[in-house]
Amino acid sequence: MFFLLAAFATSWLVQASDPDILSDFIAPQNQTFDGTFFTFTGFRGIFNVPDPATFKVTKASMAEFPALNGQSVSYAVLQYPAGGVNPPHTHPRAAELLFVVLGSLEVGFIDTTNKLYTQTLQLGDIFVFPKGLVHYQYNADPKNPAIAFSAFGSANAGTVSVPTTVFTTGIDDQTLAQSFKTDVPTIQKIKAGLAPKA
């Protein structure tokens, strides 16, 4: 019985991360390829344009960079205008390692006991957000932008935005009002503020 339980637990752990591949890399089907397949150019030029007016993320995940398939890594550049925020969110398939390369950031995550861990990061600091936990970043500087690089332990970390998921996916207003101990007009105001701009 013990061995059966151990085997079950081990198989569950294996399914909780990117699967191991049985080759050096996953080649594109029926195509010839060369070194350009292993090169991502999507970050070119993002530092040579004016700072974005709102928070902006540029990803290099499996969707944008197919050579990452099977490699269990991905990357992103996060650009925060003065006062910009990356709202509370989770990455269900990976931890995130954030590296500040310009400015400073207020960051934090909440563990499964509802304890908040916060830190003020300066240029050159690194912070880890554990896999699947709700976290955020905020550029508290009212005048200067901030930039950070994020590395993920998955080729497809996934992102679940808490505000968007809760308020723009069709959950009933009454359910949300009761859940957040408020009234329906307040919920409708929040939903209106999160609605895509036309």
Protein backbone atom coordinates (compact mmCIF):
# COMPACT_ATOMS: atom_id res chain seq x y z
CA MET A 1 0.00 0.00 0.00
CA PHE A 2 2.84 2.40 0.88
CA PHE A 3 4.50 1.88 -2.50
CA LEU A 4 1.20 2.48 -4.30
CA LEU A 5 0.72 5.79 -2.45
CA ALA A 6 4.34 6.80 -3.11
CA ALA A 7 3.96 6.04 -6.82
CA PHE A 8 0.74 8.08 -6.98
CA ALA A 9 2.35 11.04 -5.18
CA THR A 10 5.37 10.93 -7.49
CA SER A 11 3.24 10.85 -10.64
CA TRP A 12 1.28 13.87 -9.38
CA LEU A 13 4.50 15.83 -8.82
CA VAL A 14 5.69 15.08 -12.33
CA GLN A 15 2.44 16.45 -13.77
CA ALA A 16 2.81 19.70 -11.80
CA SER A 17 5.55 21.13 -14.03
CA ASP A 18 6.61 21.30 -17.67
CA PRO A 19 7.08 17.78 -19.03
CA ASP A 20 10.63 16.60 -19.69
CA ILE A 21 11.44 16.07 -23.34
CA LEU A 22 13.37 13.10 -24.69
CA SER A 23 15.47 15.12 -27.14
CA ASP A 24 17.68 18.19 -27.05
CA PHE A 25 14.85 20.41 -28.29
CA ILE A 26 11.51 20.21 -30.09
CA ALA A 27 12.06 20.97 -33.76
CA PRO A 28 9.38 22.51 -35.97
CA GLN A 29 7.40 19.94 -37.93
CA ASN A 30 8.36 19.35 -41.58
CA GLN A 31 10.57 22.44 -41.80
CA THR A 32 14.24 23.06 -42.22
CA PHE A 33 15.58 25.42 -39.59
CA ASP A 34 18.81 27.00 -38.44
CA GLY A 35 20.05 29.24 -35.63
CA THR A 36 17.29 31.77 -36.22
CA PHE A 37 14.83 29.25 -34.74
CA PHE A 38 16.69 29.64 -31.42
CA THR A 39 16.79 33.46 -31.58
CA PHE A 40 14.08 35.75 -30.21
CA THR A 41 14.12 39.33 -31.54
CA GLY A 42 10.87 40.55 -29.97
CA PHE A 43 12.66 42.74 -27.42
CA ARG A 44 14.49 44.76 -30.09
CA GLY A 45 13.55 48.40 -30.01
CA ILE A 46 11.39 48.37 -26.86
CA PHE A 47 13.98 50.52 -25.08
CA ASN A 48 14.27 53.00 -27.99
CA VAL A 49 10.69 54.27 -27.89
CA PRO A 50 8.97 56.64 -25.45
CA ASP A 51 7.95 55.14 -22.12
CA PRO A 52 4.48 53.54 -22.25
CA ALA A 53 1.57 55.47 -20.73
CA THR A 54 0.35 52.37 -18.86
CA PHE A 55 1.99 49.20 -17.58
CA LYS A 56 3.29 47.11 -20.48
CA VAL A 57 4.58 43.54 -20.61
CA THR A 58 6.46 42.09 -23.57
CA LYS A 59 6.68 38.30 -23.35
CA ALA A 60 9.06 35.71 -24.69
CA SER A 61 7.06 32.59 -23.87
CA MET A 62 6.39 29.50 -25.94
CA ALA A 63 3.66 31.33 -27.90
CA GLU A 64 6.02 34.09 -29.04
CA PHE A 65 9.22 31.99 -29.14
CA PRO A 66 8.46 28.36 -30.17
CA ALA A 67 12.05 27.22 -29.46
CA LEU A 68 11.14 27.39 -25.74
CA ASN A 69 8.81 24.40 -26.14
CA GLY A 70 10.14 21.73 -23.79
CA GLN A 71 12.79 23.98 -22.21
CA SER A 72 10.84 24.96 -19.04
CA VAL A 73 11.88 28.64 -19.23
CA SER A 74 10.43 31.93 -20.47
CA TYR A 75 11.08 35.62 -20.06
CA ALA A 76 9.34 38.99 -20.04
CA VAL A 77 10.19 42.68 -19.99
CA LEU A 78 7.94 44.69 -17.68
CA GLN A 79 7.68 48.46 -18.22
CA TYR A 80 6.06 50.65 -15.55
CA PRO A 81 5.32 54.33 -16.16
CA ALA A 82 5.57 56.70 -13.18
CA GLY A 83 2.90 55.49 -10.75
CA GLY A 84 2.24 52.36 -12.86
CA VAL A 85 1.08 49.05 -11.44
CA ASN A 86 1.07 45.42 -12.50
CA PRO A 87 -2.21 44.46 -10.75
CA PRO A 88 -2.50 41.42 -8.47
CA HIS A 89 -2.15 38.23 -10.52
CA THR A 90 -0.83 34.68 -10.40
CA HIS A 91 1.24 32.39 -12.63
CA PRO A 92 -0.28 28.92 -12.14
CA ARG A 93 2.57 27.00 -13.80
CA ALA A 94 5.74 28.78 -12.65
CA ALA A 95 7.59 30.80 -10.07
CA GLU A 96 8.72 34.24 -11.22
CA LEU A 97 12.17 35.74 -10.69
CA LEU A 98 11.95 39.54 -11.08
CA PHE A 99 15.11 41.64 -11.70
CA VAL A 100 14.90 45.46 -11.51
CA VAL A 101 16.99 47.14 -14.23
CA LEU A 102 15.63 50.72 -14.00
CA GLY A 103 14.08 52.64 -11.12
CA SER A 104 12.56 50.96 -8.10
CA LEU A 105 9.46 48.87 -7.41
CA GLU A 106 7.19 48.08 -4.48
CA VAL A 107 6.43 44.35 -4.70
CA GLY A 108 4.55 41.80 -2.68
CA PHE A 109 2.89 38.40 -2.59
CA ILE A 110 0.35 36.68 -0.36
CA ASP A 111 0.97 33.12 0.84
CA THR A 112 -1.67 30.44 1.47
CA THR A 113 -2.07 31.59 5.09
CA ASN A 114 -2.99 35.10 3.83
CA LYS A 115 0.30 36.61 5.02
CA LEU A 116 1.55 39.51 2.88
CA TYR A 117 5.28 39.71 2.11
CA THR A 118 6.42 43.08 0.72
CA GLN A 119 9.69 44.66 -0.30
CA THR A 120 10.98 47.84 -1.92
CA LEU A 121 13.33 46.81 -4.72
CA GLN A 122 16.10 49.04 -6.03
CA LEU A 123 18.13 48.89 -9.23
CA GLY A 124 19.86 45.50 -9.39
CA ASP A 125 17.62 43.75 -6.84
CA ILE A 126 15.98 40.39 -7.52
CA PHE A 127 12.76 39.08 -5.92
CA VAL A 128 11.08 35.68 -6.27
CA PHE A 129 7.31 35.22 -6.43
CA PRO A 130 6.49 31.60 -5.52
CA LYS A 131 4.53 29.55 -8.04
CA GLY A 132 0.78 30.13 -8.07
CA LEU A 133 0.66 32.82 -5.37
CA VAL A 134 -1.08 36.18 -5.87
CA HIS A 135 1.47 38.97 -6.31
CA TYR A 136 1.87 42.52 -7.66
CA GLN A 137 4.42 45.20 -8.54
CA TYR A 138 3.99 48.98 -8.21
CA ASN A 139 6.20 51.86 -9.33
CA ALA A 140 5.61 54.34 -6.50
CA ASP A 141 7.84 56.99 -8.11
CA PRO A 142 5.51 59.78 -9.33
CA LYS A 143 8.03 61.08 -11.91
CA ASN A 144 10.23 58.26 -13.23
CA PRO A 145 9.54 54.98 -15.04
CA ALA A 146 10.79 51.57 -13.94
CA ILE A 147 11.75 48.45 -15.90
CA ALA A 148 12.18 44.87 -14.74
CA PHE A 149 12.96 41.54 -16.37
CA SER A 150 11.07 38.45 -15.28
CA ALA A 151 12.23 34.87 -15.73
CA PHE A 152 9.79 31.97 -15.35
CA GLY A 153 10.34 28.26 -14.67
CA SER A 154 7.95 27.28 -17.46
CA ALA A 155 7.75 27.87 -21.20
CA ASN A 156 4.07 28.74 -20.60
CA ALA A 157 3.73 30.16 -17.07
CA GLY A 158 0.22 31.50 -17.65
CA THR A 159 -1.15 34.69 -16.08
CA VAL A 160 -4.40 35.02 -14.16
CA SER A 161 -5.19 38.68 -13.44
CA VAL A 162 -7.23 38.95 -10.23
CA PRO A 163 -9.21 42.10 -11.17
CA THR A 164 -9.92 40.94 -14.72
CA THR A 165 -10.78 37.39 -13.72
CA VAL A 166 -13.10 38.44 -10.92
CA PHE A 167 -14.83 41.43 -12.50
CA THR A 168 -14.90 40.88 -16.28
CA THR A 169 -15.71 37.20 -16.75
CA GLY A 170 -19.43 37.27 -16.06
CA ILE A 171 -19.67 36.43 -12.36
CA ASP A 172 -23.11 37.61 -11.18
CA ASP A 173 -23.14 41.10 -9.62
CA GLN A 174 -25.05 39.90 -6.54
CA THR A 175 -22.52 37.10 -5.95
CA LEU A 176 -19.65 39.60 -6.16
CA ALA A 177 -21.45 42.12 -3.92
CA GLN A 178 -21.96 39.48 -1.22
CA SER A 179 -18.41 38.14 -1.63
CA PHE A 180 -16.83 41.59 -1.27
CA LYS A 181 -19.31 42.78 1.42
CA THR A 182 -20.54 45.68 -0.70
CA ASP A 183 -23.51 46.54 -2.92
CA VAL A 184 -24.35 45.86 -6.57
CA PRO A 185 -23.83 49.51 -7.73
CA THR A 186 -20.25 49.40 -6.38
CA ILE A 187 -19.60 46.14 -8.25
CA GLN A 188 -21.04 47.64 -11.44
CA LYS A 189 -18.78 50.70 -11.05
CA ILE A 190 -15.72 48.47 -10.69
CA LYS A 191 -16.78 46.43 -13.72
CA ALA A 192 -17.24 49.61 -15.77
CA GLY A 193 -13.75 50.78 -14.82
CA LEU A 194 -12.23 47.48 -16.01
CA ALA A 195 -14.21 47.27 -19.26
CA PRO A 196 -12.04 47.46 -22.41
CA LYS A 197 -11.84 50.96 -23.84
CA ALA A 198 -13.57 51.23 -27.23
